[in-house]
Amino acid sequence: MHGRWLLPVLVFGLVMVLAGTVFLVWRTYPFIFSRAYVLRIATGPLAGEGGKFVTAFRRELAAAHPRVRVEVVSTPSIAASALALKNGEADVAVARRDDPNAAEGRSIFVLRKLAAVVLVPAQSSAESVADLAGERIGVITRDGAVDPLARALLGFYGVDDKRVVQLAPADLAAGLQRKQVHAVVVVGPVGPGPIADAVQVFRKVTRKPPTFLDLGEADAIAARFPVYESIDIAQGAFGGAPAAPADDISTVGAALLLVARPSLSNYAAGELTRLLLATKTDIAATVPEAGQLAAPSTDRDVVLPAHPGTIAYLNGDTPDLLDETMNYVYYASMFTGAFGAMAAWASSLRNRRQIRTLRARIERLPTLLSEARTPGAASLDDTERELDDLADWFVERFVADEISAEVFNSATMRMTHIRELIRRRRAAEMAASTPAPAADAPAAAAPAAAASATDMLSAAVTR
């Protein structure tokens, strides 16, 4: 690479580094370049789980925090929301912890807990799932599919698929009346939802609330399936007179979370956590289910661990926008320094090659000088051609600003001196080969001419 290209390449490299830094900042902190910070949240149907919360959260933000704006990415279901997060179509999504598509995300907030309960008629003698051996067990489906939590529960107890009867919510009453099932597994929140609806069906059909079977193996189930956890349901959580359940019970559950993509900046995640905590009370006033809103666990060994920005905020170490920006500037400066060091190294290699080449050219000049002085040496034509090539080389390098004026002038003076010696040697050889004078010339003229020619050749050689 010629010297004249080095500076433009360095400038281009620095511009690219700065452009890359600006791009990263824009991707991480888009609100710096706009008046509003737009946060894309994927959620299922607005009337379903998560949808009501996101709608209420959006409304509260619009009233209290006008610079933060929520853009809802509507999806057909909670599972589709997790897929949208995985595909990069949303910054945050309402997703279940046991959804594989959310496995790479980071928790921002716990929206609510979903529990799996086993219900039997009040007159049943079963006191545990083990007492249901050989009996048909109904499972309330959702959108025609068995909930993954219900599958894990039945799998843990080794319930054969032939004993499982899938029931739509509307078919539960008929199944109980015809005694098609002896127990029912329902997955839903502790509060309004599928479990509360199933309890009402039991009350209507059997005239009594169902019995909730206590899952004493809840901890073991959670240990086998880490995406789930052991939870307790308080007495009367689904109504009283008589209370349902009649006593506190243990069961397993899955968390419904607000999950962010891992690349969401710590500042954005911490700010979102702060806003959720700040608006929790106001949201719960219109959406009772929001009363279960809770910050995620800060343990780093749990499934779907909390986002580092959320952890920092909950621990009182609020992410600072300036600090994070300075981190990018620091990384950019490191990259620029490394780029500059590499450019300097490349320039050093080029300079060393140029110095070696220049030294080799200069070292040829004494040899050419010796050839110009020594009679009988190499042909003067070869010497002169090489001298011409050297002269062209020095001129090209001087014009390209690769050699200094001092070196160029010194080499030019030496080459001029060699050319002068070649010229004198040629003149002396020509004079020596001149024919003798005519016979009628004065006799003294021949010795004088010979002496003159001898003197010129000697002078050329001695120079």
Protein backbone atom coordinates (compact mmCIF):
# COMPACT_ATOMS: atom_id res chain seq x y z
CA MET A 1 0.00 0.00 0.00
CA HIS A 2 1.44 3.35 -1.03
CA GLY A 3 1.86 6.05 1.57
CA ARG A 4 -0.70 8.29 -0.07
CA TRP A 5 -3.42 5.67 0.61
CA LEU A 6 -2.60 5.09 4.28
CA LEU A 7 -4.26 8.23 5.65
CA PRO A 8 -7.55 7.77 3.70
CA VAL A 9 -7.75 4.14 4.87
CA LEU A 10 -7.20 5.16 8.48
CA VAL A 11 -9.85 7.89 8.20
CA PHE A 12 -12.28 5.43 6.60
CA GLY A 13 -11.65 2.92 9.39
CA LEU A 14 -12.29 5.51 12.09
CA VAL A 15 -15.49 6.63 10.37
CA MET A 16 -16.68 3.02 10.23
CA VAL A 17 -15.93 2.54 13.93
CA LEU A 18 -17.87 5.69 14.84
CA ALA A 19 -20.75 4.66 12.57
CA GLY A 20 -20.83 1.21 14.21
CA THR A 21 -20.88 2.79 17.67
CA VAL A 22 -23.76 5.08 16.73
CA PHE A 23 -25.65 2.11 15.26
CA LEU A 24 -25.21 0.07 18.46
CA VAL A 25 -26.38 2.97 20.59
CA TRP A 26 -29.40 3.44 18.31
CA ARG A 27 -30.28 -0.25 18.53
CA THR A 28 -29.83 -0.34 22.32
CA TYR A 29 -31.24 3.07 23.25
CA PRO A 30 -33.62 4.05 20.42
CA PHE A 31 -35.33 6.57 22.68
CA ILE A 32 -32.19 8.76 22.60
CA PHE A 33 -32.93 9.52 18.96
CA SER A 34 -36.68 10.07 19.38
CA ARG A 35 -39.09 11.79 21.70
CA ALA A 36 -40.81 8.56 22.76
CA TYR A 37 -39.41 5.22 23.82
CA VAL A 38 -41.45 2.59 21.95
CA LEU A 39 -41.56 -0.82 23.62
CA ARG A 40 -43.05 -3.68 21.60
CA ILE A 41 -44.94 -6.12 23.82
CA ALA A 42 -46.35 -9.32 22.32
CA THR A 43 -49.44 -10.71 23.99
CA GLY A 44 -52.29 -13.04 23.20
CA PRO A 45 -55.90 -11.92 22.76
CA LEU A 46 -56.54 -8.73 24.71
CA ALA A 47 -59.42 -10.39 26.53
CA GLY A 48 -57.29 -13.30 27.68
CA GLU A 49 -54.45 -13.86 30.12
CA GLY A 50 -51.88 -11.13 29.80
CA GLY A 51 -53.91 -9.12 27.30
CA LYS A 52 -55.92 -7.28 29.96
CA PHE A 53 -52.78 -6.52 31.91
CA VAL A 54 -50.90 -5.14 28.90
CA THR A 55 -53.88 -2.98 27.96
CA ALA A 56 -54.11 -1.57 31.48
CA PHE A 57 -50.35 -1.06 31.65
CA ARG A 58 -50.40 0.79 28.36
CA ARG A 59 -53.19 3.04 29.61
CA GLU A 60 -51.37 3.86 32.86
CA LEU A 61 -48.14 4.65 31.05
CA ALA A 62 -49.92 6.95 28.65
CA ALA A 63 -51.25 8.91 31.62
CA ALA A 64 -48.20 8.95 33.87
CA HIS A 65 -45.19 8.47 31.58
CA PRO A 66 -45.87 10.03 28.17
CA ARG A 67 -42.28 9.45 26.94
CA VAL A 68 -42.65 5.67 27.28
CA ARG A 69 -45.05 4.23 24.75
CA VAL A 70 -46.16 0.60 24.53
CA GLU A 71 -46.83 -0.88 21.13
CA VAL A 72 -48.93 -4.04 21.39
CA VAL A 73 -48.03 -6.90 19.08
CA SER A 74 -51.23 -8.92 19.04
CA THR A 75 -50.89 -12.69 18.64
CA PRO A 76 -53.44 -15.54 18.60
CA SER A 77 -52.21 -17.04 21.88
CA ILE A 78 -49.66 -16.87 24.68
CA ALA A 79 -47.59 -19.50 22.85
CA ALA A 80 -47.57 -17.33 19.73
CA SER A 81 -46.33 -14.40 21.83
CA ALA A 82 -43.32 -16.43 22.96
CA LEU A 83 -42.64 -17.33 19.33
CA ALA A 84 -42.81 -13.66 18.35
CA LEU A 85 -40.20 -12.89 21.02
CA LYS A 86 -37.92 -15.65 19.74
CA ASN A 87 -38.24 -14.39 16.15
CA GLY A 88 -37.34 -10.84 17.17
CA GLU A 89 -40.79 -9.46 16.39
CA ALA A 90 -41.15 -8.04 19.91
CA ASP A 91 -38.91 -6.65 22.64
CA VAL A 92 -40.99 -8.17 25.44
CA ALA A 93 -43.66 -10.86 25.49
CA VAL A 94 -46.23 -12.35 27.82
CA ALA A 95 -45.09 -15.97 28.01
CA ARG A 96 -45.21 -19.02 30.23
CA ARG A 97 -42.05 -20.25 31.90
CA ASP A 98 -42.55 -23.75 30.47
CA ASP A 99 -42.71 -22.51 26.86
CA PRO A 100 -39.59 -23.64 24.94
CA ASN A 101 -39.75 -20.55 22.73
CA ALA A 102 -39.17 -18.37 25.79
CA ALA A 103 -36.22 -20.42 27.05
CA GLU A 104 -33.63 -17.88 25.86
CA GLY A 105 -35.48 -14.88 27.31
CA ARG A 106 -34.99 -13.07 30.60
CA SER A 107 -37.73 -12.45 33.16
CA ILE A 108 -38.88 -8.90 33.80
CA PHE A 109 -41.96 -9.46 35.96
CA VAL A 110 -44.27 -12.21 37.23
CA LEU A 111 -47.80 -11.51 36.05
CA ARG A 112 -49.53 -14.39 37.80
CA LYS A 113 -49.19 -18.05 38.78
CA LEU A 114 -51.06 -20.87 37.06
CA ALA A 115 -51.84 -23.89 39.22
CA ALA A 116 -52.74 -27.46 38.34
CA VAL A 117 -55.40 -28.89 40.66
CA VAL A 118 -56.96 -32.32 40.89
CA LEU A 119 -60.68 -32.15 41.74
CA VAL A 120 -62.88 -35.04 42.84
CA PRO A 121 -66.57 -35.01 43.86
CA ALA A 122 -67.16 -34.32 47.55
CA GLN A 123 -68.52 -37.86 48.07
CA SER A 124 -65.35 -39.46 46.65
CA SER A 125 -63.19 -41.46 49.04
CA ALA A 126 -59.96 -40.51 47.21
CA GLU A 127 -57.53 -38.54 49.34
CA SER A 128 -54.56 -38.54 46.96
CA VAL A 129 -53.81 -39.14 43.31
CA ALA A 130 -52.60 -42.63 44.21
CA ASP A 131 -56.15 -43.47 45.24
CA LEU A 132 -57.30 -42.87 41.66
CA ALA A 133 -55.43 -45.90 40.29
CA GLY A 134 -57.43 -47.47 37.46
CA GLU A 135 -60.01 -44.65 37.41
CA ARG A 136 -60.76 -42.41 34.46
CA ILE A 137 -59.40 -38.88 34.90
CA GLY A 138 -60.76 -35.95 32.97
CA VAL A 139 -58.56 -33.13 31.76
CA ILE A 140 -60.00 -29.74 30.89
CA THR A 141 -58.57 -28.76 27.51
CA ARG A 142 -57.90 -25.32 26.16
CA ASP A 143 -58.31 -24.67 22.47
CA GLY A 144 -58.59 -28.43 22.05
CA ALA A 145 -55.20 -29.20 23.62
CA VAL A 146 -54.06 -30.53 26.98
CA ASP A 147 -52.04 -28.03 28.98
CA PRO A 148 -48.31 -28.96 29.28
CA LEU A 149 -48.55 -28.61 33.06
CA ALA A 150 -51.39 -31.15 33.18
CA ARG A 151 -49.36 -33.52 30.99
CA ALA A 152 -46.37 -33.23 33.33
CA LEU A 153 -48.59 -33.91 36.37
CA LEU A 154 -50.22 -36.99 34.84
CA GLY A 155 -46.87 -38.23 33.59
CA PHE A 156 -45.33 -37.97 37.04
CA TYR A 157 -48.06 -40.17 38.50
CA GLY A 158 -47.86 -42.61 35.59
CA VAL A 159 -51.44 -42.13 34.43
CA ASP A 160 -51.94 -44.07 31.21
CA ASP A 161 -53.27 -42.09 28.25
CA LYS A 162 -56.12 -44.58 27.92
CA ARG A 163 -57.43 -43.41 31.28
CA VAL A 164 -57.36 -39.75 30.29
CA VAL A 165 -60.58 -38.21 29.03
CA GLN A 166 -60.20 -34.82 27.39
CA LEU A 167 -63.08 -32.48 28.17
CA ALA A 168 -63.87 -29.05 26.85
CA PRO A 169 -65.01 -26.66 29.63
CA ALA A 170 -68.57 -26.86 28.33
CA ASP A 171 -68.55 -30.69 28.52
CA LEU A 172 -67.53 -30.93 32.20
CA ALA A 173 -71.07 -30.87 33.56
CA ALA A 174 -72.20 -33.70 31.28
CA GLY A 175 -69.10 -35.74 32.13
CA LEU A 176 -69.80 -35.46 35.86
CA GLN A 177 -73.52 -36.25 35.50
CA ARG A 178 -72.80 -39.37 33.42
CA LYS A 179 -69.90 -40.31 35.70
CA GLN A 180 -67.58 -40.51 32.72
CA VAL A 181 -64.73 -39.34 34.93
CA HIS A 182 -63.90 -39.81 38.60
CA ALA A 183 -61.53 -36.85 38.88
CA VAL A 184 -60.72 -33.74 36.88
CA VAL A 185 -57.38 -31.99 36.32
CA VAL A 186 -57.71 -28.26 35.70
CA VAL A 187 -54.97 -25.66 35.03
CA GLY A 188 -55.64 -22.01 35.70
CA PRO A 189 -54.90 -19.04 37.95
CA VAL A 190 -55.79 -18.81 41.59
CA GLY A 191 -58.81 -16.60 41.11
CA PRO A 192 -61.19 -16.05 38.21
CA GLY A 193 -60.51 -18.52 35.43
CA PRO A 194 -60.83 -22.21 34.50
CA ILE A 195 -60.43 -23.55 38.07
CA ALA A 196 -63.08 -21.23 39.48
CA ASP A 197 -65.39 -22.16 36.60
CA ALA A 198 -64.85 -25.89 37.23
CA VAL A 199 -65.61 -25.44 40.94
CA GLN A 200 -68.92 -23.81 40.04
CA VAL A 201 -69.79 -26.71 37.76
CA PHE A 202 -69.09 -29.16 40.60
CA ARG A 203 -71.29 -27.12 42.94
CA LYS A 204 -74.10 -27.12 40.42
CA VAL A 205 -73.94 -30.81 39.50
CA THR A 206 -73.07 -32.39 42.88
CA ARG A 207 -74.60 -29.70 45.09
CA LYS A 208 -71.27 -29.44 46.91
CA PRO A 209 -67.88 -27.97 46.12
CA PRO A 210 -65.28 -30.48 44.93
CA THR A 211 -62.49 -31.85 47.05
CA PHE A 212 -59.03 -30.54 46.15
CA LEU A 213 -56.49 -33.37 46.40
CA ASP A 214 -53.32 -32.26 48.15
CA LEU A 215 -50.22 -33.06 46.07
CA GLY A 216 -47.72 -34.05 48.71
CA GLU A 217 -45.25 -34.77 45.94
CA ALA A 218 -45.35 -31.17 44.64
CA ASP A 219 -41.70 -30.57 45.53
CA ALA A 220 -40.67 -33.78 43.79
CA ILE A 221 -42.64 -32.81 40.67
CA ALA A 222 -40.95 -29.38 40.62
CA ALA A 223 -37.57 -31.06 41.02
CA ARG A 224 -38.22 -33.35 38.06
CA PHE A 225 -39.63 -30.53 35.93
CA PRO A 226 -37.61 -27.38 36.78
CA VAL A 227 -39.88 -25.17 34.68
CA TYR A 228 -42.58 -25.69 37.31
CA GLU A 229 -42.69 -24.87 41.01
CA SER A 230 -44.47 -25.95 44.14
CA ILE A 231 -47.19 -23.53 45.23
CA ASP A 232 -49.74 -23.40 48.02
CA ILE A 233 -53.42 -22.59 47.61
CA ALA A 234 -55.08 -21.09 50.65
CA GLN A 235 -58.31 -22.38 52.13
CA GLY A 236 -61.34 -20.78 50.48
CA ALA A 237 -59.35 -19.34 47.54
CA PHE A 238 -62.21 -20.33 45.22
CA GLY A 239 -65.16 -19.39 47.40
CA GLY A 240 -66.66 -20.09 50.78
CA ALA A 241 -69.79 -21.58 52.37
CA PRO A 242 -68.50 -24.20 52.22
CA ALA A 243 -64.93 -23.23 51.46
CA ALA A 244 -63.15 -24.44 48.36
CA PRO A 245 -60.67 -25.81 49.06
CA ALA A 246 -61.63 -26.87 52.53
CA ASP A 247 -58.00 -26.70 53.73
CA ASP A 248 -54.72 -25.30 52.51
CA ILE A 249 -53.27 -27.56 49.81
CA SER A 250 -49.99 -27.93 47.96
CA THR A 251 -49.79 -28.34 44.21
CA VAL A 252 -47.56 -27.44 41.25
CA GLY A 253 -47.77 -24.36 39.09
CA ALA A 254 -46.32 -22.48 36.18
CA ALA A 255 -45.54 -18.77 36.14
CA LEU A 256 -46.95 -16.39 33.54
CA LEU A 257 -44.15 -13.90 32.96
CA LEU A 258 -43.24 -10.77 31.14
CA VAL A 259 -40.15 -11.98 29.29
CA ALA A 260 -37.63 -9.79 27.47
CA ARG A 261 -35.15 -10.69 24.78
CA PRO A 262 -31.63 -11.08 26.23
CA SER A 263 -30.29 -8.20 24.12
CA LEU A 264 -32.64 -5.68 25.74
CA SER A 265 -30.39 -3.14 27.44
CA ASN A 266 -29.99 -3.19 31.20
CA TYR A 267 -31.24 0.37 31.35
CA ALA A 268 -34.45 -0.45 29.43
CA ALA A 269 -35.11 -3.58 31.53
CA GLY A 270 -34.53 -1.70 34.78
CA GLU A 271 -36.77 1.17 33.66
CA LEU A 272 -39.52 -1.26 32.65
CA THR A 273 -39.31 -2.96 36.05
CA ARG A 274 -39.57 0.40 37.78
CA LEU A 275 -42.64 1.37 35.74
CA LEU A 276 -44.35 -1.95 36.47
CA LEU A 277 -43.87 -1.51 40.20
CA ALA A 278 -44.98 2.12 40.02
CA THR A 279 -48.22 1.32 38.17
CA LYS A 280 -49.06 -1.99 39.90
CA THR A 281 -51.60 -0.46 42.29
CA ASP A 282 -53.35 1.54 39.58
CA ILE A 283 -53.53 -1.48 37.26
CA ALA A 284 -54.95 -3.70 40.02
CA ALA A 285 -57.77 -1.19 40.51
CA THR A 286 -59.13 -2.03 37.06
CA VAL A 287 -57.71 -5.54 36.57
CA PRO A 288 -58.07 -7.55 39.81
CA GLU A 289 -55.77 -10.27 38.48
CA ALA A 290 -52.95 -7.74 38.56
CA GLY A 291 -52.91 -8.11 42.33
CA GLN A 292 -50.66 -11.14 41.73
CA LEU A 293 -48.02 -9.01 40.01
CA ALA A 294 -44.63 -9.65 41.58
CA ALA A 295 -40.97 -9.08 40.90
CA PRO A 296 -39.09 -12.16 39.64
CA SER A 297 -36.56 -14.09 41.68
CA THR A 298 -33.06 -12.64 41.53
CA ASP A 299 -31.48 -16.11 41.83
CA ARG A 300 -29.33 -16.80 38.80
CA ASP A 301 -29.79 -20.58 38.81
CA VAL A 302 -33.54 -20.58 38.12
CA VAL A 303 -35.21 -21.30 34.81
CA LEU A 304 -35.67 -18.05 32.89
CA PRO A 305 -33.55 -15.95 35.27
CA ALA A 306 -34.32 -12.28 35.74
CA HIS A 307 -32.84 -9.79 33.32
CA PRO A 308 -29.59 -8.22 34.62
CA GLY A 309 -31.22 -4.79 34.41
CA THR A 310 -34.14 -6.00 36.51
CA ILE A 311 -31.79 -7.55 39.06
CA ALA A 312 -29.79 -4.33 39.25
CA TYR A 313 -32.92 -2.26 39.86
CA LEU A 314 -34.32 -4.64 42.50
CA ASN A 315 -30.95 -4.63 44.29
CA GLY A 316 -30.89 -0.85 44.34
CA ASP A 317 -28.20 -0.56 41.70
CA THR A 318 -30.22 1.22 39.04
CA PRO A 319 -28.60 0.95 35.61
CA ASP A 320 -27.27 4.33 34.55
CA LEU A 321 -27.72 5.39 30.94
CA LEU A 322 -24.49 7.40 30.96
CA ASP A 323 -22.51 4.46 32.33
CA GLU A 324 -23.82 2.10 29.67
CA THR A 325 -23.18 4.65 26.93
CA MET A 326 -19.64 5.15 28.21
CA ASN A 327 -19.17 1.39 28.03
CA TYR A 328 -19.89 1.50 24.32
CA VAL A 329 -17.57 4.48 23.93
CA TYR A 330 -14.89 2.54 25.84
CA TYR A 331 -15.30 -0.49 23.60
CA ALA A 332 -15.21 1.74 20.53
CA SER A 333 -12.00 3.41 21.76
CA MET A 334 -10.46 -0.02 22.38
CA PHE A 335 -11.37 -1.09 18.87
CA THR A 336 -10.04 2.17 17.44
CA GLY A 337 -6.81 1.74 19.38
CA ALA A 338 -6.42 -1.81 18.12
CA PHE A 339 -7.15 -0.67 14.59
CA GLY A 340 -4.58 2.12 14.92
CA ALA A 341 -1.99 -0.31 16.30
CA MET A 342 -2.56 -2.66 13.39
CA ALA A 343 -2.29 0.23 10.94
CA ALA A 344 0.95 1.37 12.60
CA TRP A 345 2.31 -2.18 12.44
CA ALA A 346 1.42 -2.43 8.74
CA SER A 347 3.01 0.96 8.13
CA SER A 348 6.13 -0.16 10.00
CA LEU A 349 6.41 -3.27 7.84
CA ARG A 350 5.97 -1.19 4.71
CA ASN A 351 8.60 1.29 5.89
CA ARG A 352 11.06 -1.51 6.65
CA ARG A 353 10.57 -2.96 3.18
CA GLN A 354 11.06 0.48 1.66
CA ILE A 355 14.23 1.03 3.69
CA ARG A 356 15.66 -2.32 2.59
CA THR A 357 14.83 -1.59 -1.04
CA LEU A 358 16.27 1.93 -0.79
CA ARG A 359 19.46 0.63 0.83
CA ALA A 360 19.88 -1.95 -1.94
CA ARG A 361 19.48 0.75 -4.60
CA ILE A 362 21.94 3.10 -2.90
CA GLU A 363 24.44 0.28 -2.40
CA ARG A 364 24.51 -0.22 -6.19
CA LEU A 365 25.84 3.30 -6.78
CA PRO A 366 29.46 2.59 -5.58
CA THR A 367 29.50 -0.50 -7.84
CA LEU A 368 28.37 1.57 -10.81
CA LEU A 369 30.96 4.20 -9.92
CA SER A 370 33.68 1.54 -9.92
CA GLU A 371 32.51 0.23 -13.29
CA ALA A 372 32.58 3.75 -14.72
CA ARG A 373 36.18 4.28 -13.53
CA THR A 374 37.68 0.91 -14.34
CA PRO A 375 38.84 0.38 -17.95
CA GLY A 376 37.88 -2.96 -19.37
CA ALA A 377 35.02 -3.46 -16.92
CA ALA A 378 31.42 -4.22 -17.89
CA SER A 379 30.04 -2.54 -20.94
CA LEU A 380 29.30 1.13 -20.40
CA ASP A 381 25.95 0.59 -22.10
CA ASP A 382 24.87 -1.89 -19.39
CA THR A 383 26.10 0.45 -16.69
CA GLU A 384 24.25 3.36 -18.18
CA ARG A 385 21.01 1.38 -18.59
CA GLU A 386 21.11 0.35 -14.94
CA LEU A 387 21.83 3.95 -14.01
CA ASP A 388 18.78 5.06 -15.99
CA ASP A 389 16.61 2.48 -14.19
CA LEU A 390 17.88 3.71 -10.83
CA ALA A 391 17.21 7.31 -11.78
CA ASP A 392 13.62 6.44 -12.78
CA TRP A 393 13.12 4.52 -9.50
CA PHE A 394 14.36 7.42 -7.36
CA VAL A 395 12.15 9.91 -9.25
CA GLU A 396 9.03 7.72 -8.79
CA ARG A 397 9.65 7.29 -5.06
CA PHE A 398 10.36 10.98 -4.58
CA VAL A 399 7.14 11.97 -6.38
CA ALA A 400 5.20 9.42 -4.25
CA ASP A 401 6.73 11.05 -1.15
CA GLU A 402 8.33 7.77 -0.10
CA ILE A 403 11.88 9.12 0.15
CA SER A 404 13.08 12.43 1.53
CA ALA A 405 14.41 15.29 -0.55
CA GLU A 406 17.80 14.91 1.13
CA VAL A 407 18.14 11.27 0.03
CA PHE A 408 16.87 12.07 -3.45
CA ASN A 409 19.28 14.98 -3.92
CA SER A 410 22.22 12.94 -2.63
CA ALA A 411 21.43 10.04 -4.96
CA THR A 412 20.90 12.42 -7.90
CA MET A 413 24.28 14.11 -7.33
CA ARG A 414 26.06 10.74 -7.18
CA MET A 415 24.33 9.51 -10.32
CA THR A 416 25.23 12.76 -12.11
CA HIS A 417 28.85 12.25 -11.13
CA ILE A 418 28.79 8.68 -12.47
CA ARG A 419 27.24 9.89 -15.73
CA GLU A 420 30.02 12.49 -16.04
CA LEU A 421 32.65 9.78 -15.57
CA ILE A 422 30.97 7.66 -18.23
CA ARG A 423 30.92 10.63 -20.59
CA ARG A 424 34.64 11.33 -20.05
CA ARG A 425 35.50 7.66 -20.43
CA ARG A 426 33.64 7.51 -23.71
CA ALA A 427 35.41 10.67 -24.91
CA ALA A 428 38.79 9.29 -23.91
CA GLU A 429 38.15 5.95 -25.66
CA MET A 430 37.00 7.84 -28.76
CA ALA A 431 40.12 10.01 -28.75
CA ALA A 432 42.33 6.98 -28.30
CA SER A 433 40.81 5.31 -31.32
CA THR A 434 41.26 8.41 -33.63
CA PRO A 435 43.49 7.59 -36.75
CA ALA A 436 47.06 9.06 -37.01
CA PRO A 437 47.45 12.46 -38.81
CA ALA A 438 48.39 12.71 -42.54
CA ALA A 439 52.07 12.48 -43.66
CA ASP A 440 52.23 16.13 -44.74
CA ALA A 441 51.31 17.29 -41.32
CA PRO A 442 54.00 18.76 -39.14
CA ALA A 443 56.07 15.99 -37.56
CA ALA A 444 55.65 17.36 -34.11
CA ALA A 445 51.84 17.19 -34.35
CA ALA A 446 51.57 13.40 -33.94
CA PRO A 447 53.49 13.14 -30.68
CA ALA A 448 51.51 16.06 -29.29
CA ALA A 449 48.13 14.52 -30.21
CA ALA A 450 49.16 11.20 -28.71
CA ALA A 451 50.28 12.89 -25.56
CA SER A 452 46.98 14.80 -25.34
CA ALA A 453 44.92 11.61 -25.73
CA THR A 454 46.97 9.84 -23.10
CA ASP A 455 46.52 12.68 -20.68
CA MET A 456 42.69 12.66 -21.14
CA LEU A 457 42.39 8.91 -20.58
CA SER A 458 44.57 9.09 -17.49
CA ALA A 459 42.50 11.91 -16.14
CA ALA A 460 39.26 9.98 -16.74
CA VAL A 461 40.59 6.87 -15.07
CA THR A 462 42.01 8.69 -12.07
CA ARG A 463 38.74 10.47 -11.44
